[in-house]
Amino acid sequence: MLKVLYLQAENEVTDEMISNLNSVENLDLEQKTPLRVLHRRSPLTRTKRIIKVKARALTREEVEVSCKHDLKLTESLNKRLVVAEVTSEAGTYIKEFVHGDFNRTVP
């Protein structure tokens, strides 16, 4: 399953950060049922796999377009936005993979 993510970093995105993201391959996760769906799903721990991540920083021009040419917003977000293509096993909770869901997704 392929998902495209747009991520906003707290600080400027470095080449090392992008390299770290792109090095993720065949990563096994232990995911507990996410809090957001726990009311309708069994509270289980599932093993899922991130097959590959392909990430890059958005260019200034892409940031400007996504900010609808608002220069103040563009300056604020420039060098802090990343687009990542995440290929994973079906059923992987990608949102929880990104933010950890209060440590309910490991690693």
N, C-alpha and C. Protein backbone atom coordinates (compact mmCIF):
# COMPACT_ATOMS: atom_id res chain seq x y z
N MET A 1 0.85 -1.16 0.00
CA MET A 1 0.00 0.00 0.00
C MET A 1 0.90 1.24 0.00
N LEU A 2 0.64 2.18 -0.90
CA LEU A 2 1.43 3.40 -1.00
C LEU A 2 0.62 4.58 -0.49
N LYS A 3 1.22 5.35 0.40
CA LYS A 3 0.60 6.58 0.90
C LYS A 3 1.59 7.72 0.72
N VAL A 4 1.08 8.89 0.36
CA VAL A 4 1.92 10.07 0.22
C VAL A 4 1.62 10.98 1.41
N LEU A 5 2.68 11.36 2.12
CA LEU A 5 2.55 12.18 3.32
C LEU A 5 3.20 13.53 3.10
N TYR A 6 2.59 14.55 3.64
CA TYR A 6 3.20 15.87 3.70
C TYR A 6 3.46 16.15 5.16
N LEU A 7 4.73 16.35 5.49
CA LEU A 7 5.15 16.48 6.88
C LEU A 7 5.75 17.86 7.12
N GLN A 8 5.45 18.41 8.29
CA GLN A 8 6.02 19.69 8.67
C GLN A 8 6.93 19.47 9.87
N ALA A 9 8.19 19.84 9.73
CA ALA A 9 9.16 19.69 10.80
C ALA A 9 9.18 20.94 11.68
N GLU A 10 9.59 20.77 12.93
CA GLU A 10 9.71 21.92 13.83
C GLU A 10 10.80 22.86 13.38
N ASN A 11 11.90 22.29 12.88
CA ASN A 11 13.06 23.08 12.47
C ASN A 11 13.38 22.79 11.01
N GLU A 12 14.39 23.45 10.51
CA GLU A 12 14.80 23.26 9.12
C GLU A 12 15.19 21.80 8.87
N VAL A 13 14.71 21.27 7.77
CA VAL A 13 15.00 19.89 7.39
C VAL A 13 16.39 19.83 6.77
N THR A 14 17.20 18.90 7.27
CA THR A 14 18.56 18.75 6.76
C THR A 14 18.65 17.56 5.81
N ASP A 15 19.74 17.53 5.06
CA ASP A 15 19.99 16.39 4.17
C ASP A 15 20.10 15.11 4.98
N GLU A 16 20.66 15.19 6.17
CA GLU A 16 20.79 14.01 7.03
C GLU A 16 19.42 13.47 7.42
N MET A 17 18.48 14.36 7.73
CA MET A 17 17.12 13.91 8.06
C MET A 17 16.48 13.18 6.89
N ILE A 18 16.62 13.75 5.70
CA ILE A 18 16.06 13.12 4.50
C ILE A 18 16.73 11.76 4.27
N SER A 19 18.04 11.71 4.45
CA SER A 19 18.77 10.45 4.29
C SER A 19 18.28 9.40 5.29
N ASN A 20 18.04 9.82 6.53
CA ASN A 20 17.52 8.90 7.55
C ASN A 20 16.15 8.36 7.16
N LEU A 21 15.29 9.23 6.67
CA LEU A 21 13.97 8.78 6.22
C LEU A 21 14.09 7.79 5.07
N ASN A 22 14.96 8.11 4.13
CA ASN A 22 15.12 7.26 2.95
C ASN A 22 15.80 5.93 3.26
N SER A 23 16.41 5.82 4.42
CA SER A 23 17.07 4.56 4.79
C SER A 23 16.09 3.56 5.40
N VAL A 24 14.86 4.00 5.67
CA VAL A 24 13.87 3.09 6.25
C VAL A 24 13.46 2.06 5.20
N GLU A 25 13.71 0.80 5.51
CA GLU A 25 13.38 -0.28 4.57
C GLU A 25 13.13 -1.55 5.38
N ASN A 26 12.01 -2.20 5.08
CA ASN A 26 11.64 -3.45 5.76
C ASN A 26 11.70 -3.31 7.29
N LEU A 27 11.05 -2.27 7.77
CA LEU A 27 11.00 -1.98 9.21
C LEU A 27 9.75 -2.61 9.80
N ASP A 28 9.93 -3.53 10.73
CA ASP A 28 8.80 -4.16 11.40
C ASP A 28 8.33 -3.29 12.56
N LEU A 29 7.02 -3.10 12.64
CA LEU A 29 6.40 -2.30 13.69
C LEU A 29 5.53 -3.18 14.56
N GLU A 30 5.44 -2.85 15.81
CA GLU A 30 4.44 -3.43 16.72
C GLU A 30 3.44 -2.31 16.97
N GLN A 31 2.23 -2.46 16.44
CA GLN A 31 1.22 -1.42 16.55
C GLN A 31 0.04 -1.90 17.38
N LYS A 32 -0.18 -1.20 18.49
CA LYS A 32 -1.41 -1.44 19.25
C LYS A 32 -2.54 -0.75 18.51
N THR A 33 -3.75 -1.22 18.73
CA THR A 33 -4.89 -0.56 18.11
C THR A 33 -4.86 0.92 18.47
N PRO A 34 -4.88 1.81 17.47
CA PRO A 34 -4.79 3.25 17.75
C PRO A 34 -5.93 3.75 18.62
N LEU A 35 -5.62 4.74 19.43
CA LEU A 35 -6.62 5.33 20.31
C LEU A 35 -7.83 5.83 19.53
N ARG A 36 -7.60 6.37 18.33
CA ARG A 36 -8.69 6.98 17.56
C ARG A 36 -9.71 5.94 17.08
N VAL A 37 -9.33 4.65 17.02
CA VAL A 37 -10.27 3.62 16.56
C VAL A 37 -10.56 2.57 17.64
N LEU A 38 -10.01 2.77 18.82
CA LEU A 38 -10.13 1.77 19.88
C LEU A 38 -11.57 1.50 20.28
N HIS A 39 -12.44 2.48 20.11
CA HIS A 39 -13.85 2.30 20.47
C HIS A 39 -14.59 1.34 19.54
N ARG A 40 -13.99 1.06 18.36
CA ARG A 40 -14.68 0.16 17.43
C ARG A 40 -13.83 -1.03 16.99
N ARG A 41 -12.61 -1.16 17.50
CA ARG A 41 -11.73 -2.26 17.14
C ARG A 41 -11.21 -2.96 18.39
N SER A 42 -10.84 -4.21 18.24
CA SER A 42 -10.28 -4.99 19.36
C SER A 42 -8.93 -4.41 19.78
N PRO A 43 -8.67 -4.37 21.08
CA PRO A 43 -7.39 -3.85 21.58
C PRO A 43 -6.27 -4.89 21.42
N LEU A 44 -5.75 -4.98 20.21
CA LEU A 44 -4.72 -5.96 19.89
C LEU A 44 -3.40 -5.27 19.55
N THR A 45 -2.33 -6.03 19.56
CA THR A 45 -1.04 -5.57 19.04
C THR A 45 -0.79 -6.33 17.75
N ARG A 46 -0.55 -5.56 16.69
CA ARG A 46 -0.36 -6.15 15.37
C ARG A 46 1.06 -5.87 14.89
N THR A 47 1.67 -6.83 14.23
CA THR A 47 2.98 -6.62 13.61
C THR A 47 2.74 -6.24 12.15
N LYS A 48 3.25 -5.08 11.77
CA LYS A 48 3.12 -4.58 10.40
C LYS A 48 4.49 -4.16 9.92
N ARG A 49 4.62 -3.96 8.60
CA ARG A 49 5.91 -3.64 8.03
C ARG A 49 5.84 -2.40 7.15
N ILE A 50 6.82 -1.52 7.36
CA ILE A 50 7.08 -0.42 6.44
C ILE A 50 8.08 -0.97 5.43
N ILE A 51 7.68 -1.04 4.19
CA ILE A 51 8.53 -1.64 3.16
C ILE A 51 9.59 -0.66 2.68
N LYS A 52 9.20 0.59 2.46
CA LYS A 52 10.13 1.58 1.92
C LYS A 52 9.59 2.98 2.16
N VAL A 53 10.51 3.92 2.39
CA VAL A 53 10.17 5.34 2.47
C VAL A 53 11.03 6.08 1.46
N LYS A 54 10.39 6.93 0.68
CA LYS A 54 11.10 7.78 -0.29
C LYS A 54 10.69 9.21 0.03
N ALA A 55 11.63 10.00 0.54
CA ALA A 55 11.30 11.35 1.01
C ALA A 55 12.19 12.39 0.34
N ARG A 56 11.67 13.62 0.30
CA ARG A 56 12.45 14.77 -0.17
C ARG A 56 11.86 16.04 0.42
N ALA A 57 12.70 17.03 0.58
CA ALA A 57 12.23 18.33 1.04
C ALA A 57 11.52 19.04 -0.10
N LEU A 58 10.49 19.79 0.21
CA LEU A 58 9.82 20.57 -0.81
C LEU A 58 10.70 21.76 -1.18
N THR A 59 10.67 22.11 -2.45
CA THR A 59 11.44 23.28 -2.89
C THR A 59 10.72 24.55 -2.44
N ARG A 60 11.42 25.65 -2.46
CA ARG A 60 10.81 26.93 -2.07
C ARG A 60 9.60 27.23 -2.96
N GLU A 61 9.71 26.92 -4.24
CA GLU A 61 8.60 27.18 -5.17
C GLU A 61 7.38 26.34 -4.79
N GLU A 62 7.59 25.08 -4.42
CA GLU A 62 6.48 24.22 -4.01
C GLU A 62 5.85 24.72 -2.72
N VAL A 63 6.68 25.19 -1.81
CA VAL A 63 6.15 25.75 -0.55
C VAL A 63 5.33 26.99 -0.84
N GLU A 64 5.85 27.85 -1.71
CA GLU A 64 5.13 29.09 -2.05
C GLU A 64 3.77 28.80 -2.67
N VAL A 65 3.71 27.83 -3.57
CA VAL A 65 2.43 27.47 -4.20
C VAL A 65 1.48 26.88 -3.15
N SER A 66 1.99 26.02 -2.29
CA SER A 66 1.12 25.41 -1.28
C SER A 66 0.64 26.44 -0.26
N CYS A 67 1.38 27.53 -0.11
CA CYS A 67 0.97 28.62 0.80
C CYS A 67 0.15 29.68 0.06
N LYS A 68 -0.24 29.37 -1.16
CA LYS A 68 -1.04 30.28 -1.98
C LYS A 68 -0.37 31.65 -2.10
N HIS A 69 0.95 31.62 -2.25
CA HIS A 69 1.78 32.81 -2.47
C HIS A 69 1.74 33.79 -1.30
N ASP A 70 1.39 33.32 -0.11
CA ASP A 70 1.46 34.14 1.10
C ASP A 70 2.93 34.14 1.54
N LEU A 71 3.61 35.27 1.33
CA LEU A 71 5.06 35.31 1.56
C LEU A 71 5.43 35.10 3.02
N LYS A 72 4.63 35.60 3.94
CA LYS A 72 4.93 35.42 5.36
C LYS A 72 4.85 33.93 5.73
N LEU A 73 3.83 33.26 5.26
CA LEU A 73 3.67 31.83 5.53
C LEU A 73 4.76 31.02 4.81
N THR A 74 5.09 31.43 3.59
CA THR A 74 6.15 30.76 2.84
C THR A 74 7.46 30.83 3.60
N GLU A 75 7.81 32.00 4.12
CA GLU A 75 9.05 32.16 4.88
C GLU A 75 9.04 31.29 6.13
N SER A 76 7.89 31.21 6.77
CA SER A 76 7.75 30.42 7.99
C SER A 76 7.95 28.93 7.72
N LEU A 77 7.44 28.45 6.60
CA LEU A 77 7.47 27.01 6.31
C LEU A 77 8.61 26.58 5.40
N ASN A 78 9.28 27.54 4.75
CA ASN A 78 10.35 27.18 3.82
C ASN A 78 11.42 26.35 4.54
N LYS A 79 11.85 25.29 3.91
CA LYS A 79 12.86 24.36 4.42
C LYS A 79 12.38 23.53 5.61
N ARG A 80 11.05 23.51 5.85
CA ARG A 80 10.50 22.72 6.95
C ARG A 80 9.47 21.69 6.47
N LEU A 81 9.20 21.65 5.17
CA LEU A 81 8.19 20.72 4.64
C LEU A 81 8.85 19.59 3.87
N VAL A 82 8.30 18.39 4.06
CA VAL A 82 8.81 17.18 3.43
C VAL A 82 7.64 16.43 2.81
N VAL A 83 7.87 15.86 1.65
CA VAL A 83 6.90 14.94 1.06
C VAL A 83 7.55 13.56 1.12
N ALA A 84 6.80 12.58 1.61
CA ALA A 84 7.32 11.21 1.75
C ALA A 84 6.32 10.23 1.17
N GLU A 85 6.82 9.34 0.36
CA GLU A 85 6.02 8.22 -0.15
C GLU A 85 6.35 7.01 0.72
N VAL A 86 5.35 6.50 1.40
CA VAL A 86 5.55 5.37 2.31
C VAL A 86 4.83 4.15 1.74
N THR A 87 5.61 3.11 1.48
CA THR A 87 5.05 1.84 1.03
C THR A 87 5.03 0.92 2.24
N SER A 88 3.85 0.37 2.53
CA SER A 88 3.72 -0.45 3.73
C SER A 88 2.83 -1.66 3.46
N GLU A 89 2.87 -2.56 4.40
CA GLU A 89 1.98 -3.71 4.38
C GLU A 89 0.54 -3.21 4.60
N ALA A 90 -0.41 -3.86 3.97
CA ALA A 90 -1.82 -3.48 4.14
C ALA A 90 -2.19 -3.52 5.62
N GLY A 91 -2.96 -2.54 6.05
CA GLY A 91 -3.42 -2.50 7.43
C GLY A 91 -2.51 -1.75 8.38
N THR A 92 -1.39 -1.23 7.87
CA THR A 92 -0.49 -0.45 8.71
C THR A 92 -1.11 0.91 8.99
N TYR A 93 -1.09 1.30 10.24
CA TYR A 93 -1.60 2.62 10.61
C TYR A 93 -0.49 3.64 10.41
N ILE A 94 -0.49 4.30 9.24
CA ILE A 94 0.58 5.21 8.86
C ILE A 94 0.61 6.45 9.74
N LYS A 95 -0.54 7.01 10.02
CA LYS A 95 -0.61 8.21 10.87
C LYS A 95 0.05 7.94 12.22
N GLU A 96 -0.20 6.77 12.78
CA GLU A 96 0.37 6.41 14.06
C GLU A 96 1.87 6.10 13.93
N PHE A 97 2.29 5.59 12.78
CA PHE A 97 3.71 5.38 12.53
C PHE A 97 4.44 6.71 12.58
N VAL A 98 3.84 7.76 12.03
CA VAL A 98 4.48 9.07 11.99
C VAL A 98 4.61 9.68 13.38
N HIS A 99 3.54 9.65 14.17
CA HIS A 99 3.60 10.35 15.46
C HIS A 99 3.69 9.43 16.67
N GLY A 100 3.61 8.13 16.49
CA GLY A 100 3.83 7.19 17.58
C GLY A 100 2.63 6.84 18.42
N ASP A 101 1.55 7.64 18.35
CA ASP A 101 0.33 7.35 19.09
C ASP A 101 0.62 7.07 20.56
N PHE A 102 1.33 8.02 21.21
CA PHE A 102 1.66 7.89 22.63
C PHE A 102 2.42 6.58 22.92
N ASN A 103 3.38 6.29 22.06
CA ASN A 103 4.23 5.10 22.17
C ASN A 103 3.47 3.79 21.97
N ARG A 104 2.33 3.86 21.28
CA ARG A 104 1.57 2.64 21.00
C ARG A 104 2.06 1.98 19.71
N THR A 105 2.89 2.70 18.94
CA THR A 105 3.55 2.13 17.77
C THR A 105 5.05 2.16 18.02
N VAL A 106 5.67 1.00 17.94
CA VAL A 106 7.11 0.89 18.22
C VAL A 106 7.77 0.19 17.04
N PRO A 107 8.90 0.62 16.49
CA PRO A 107 9.63 1.82 16.91
C PRO A 107 8.97 3.07 16.43
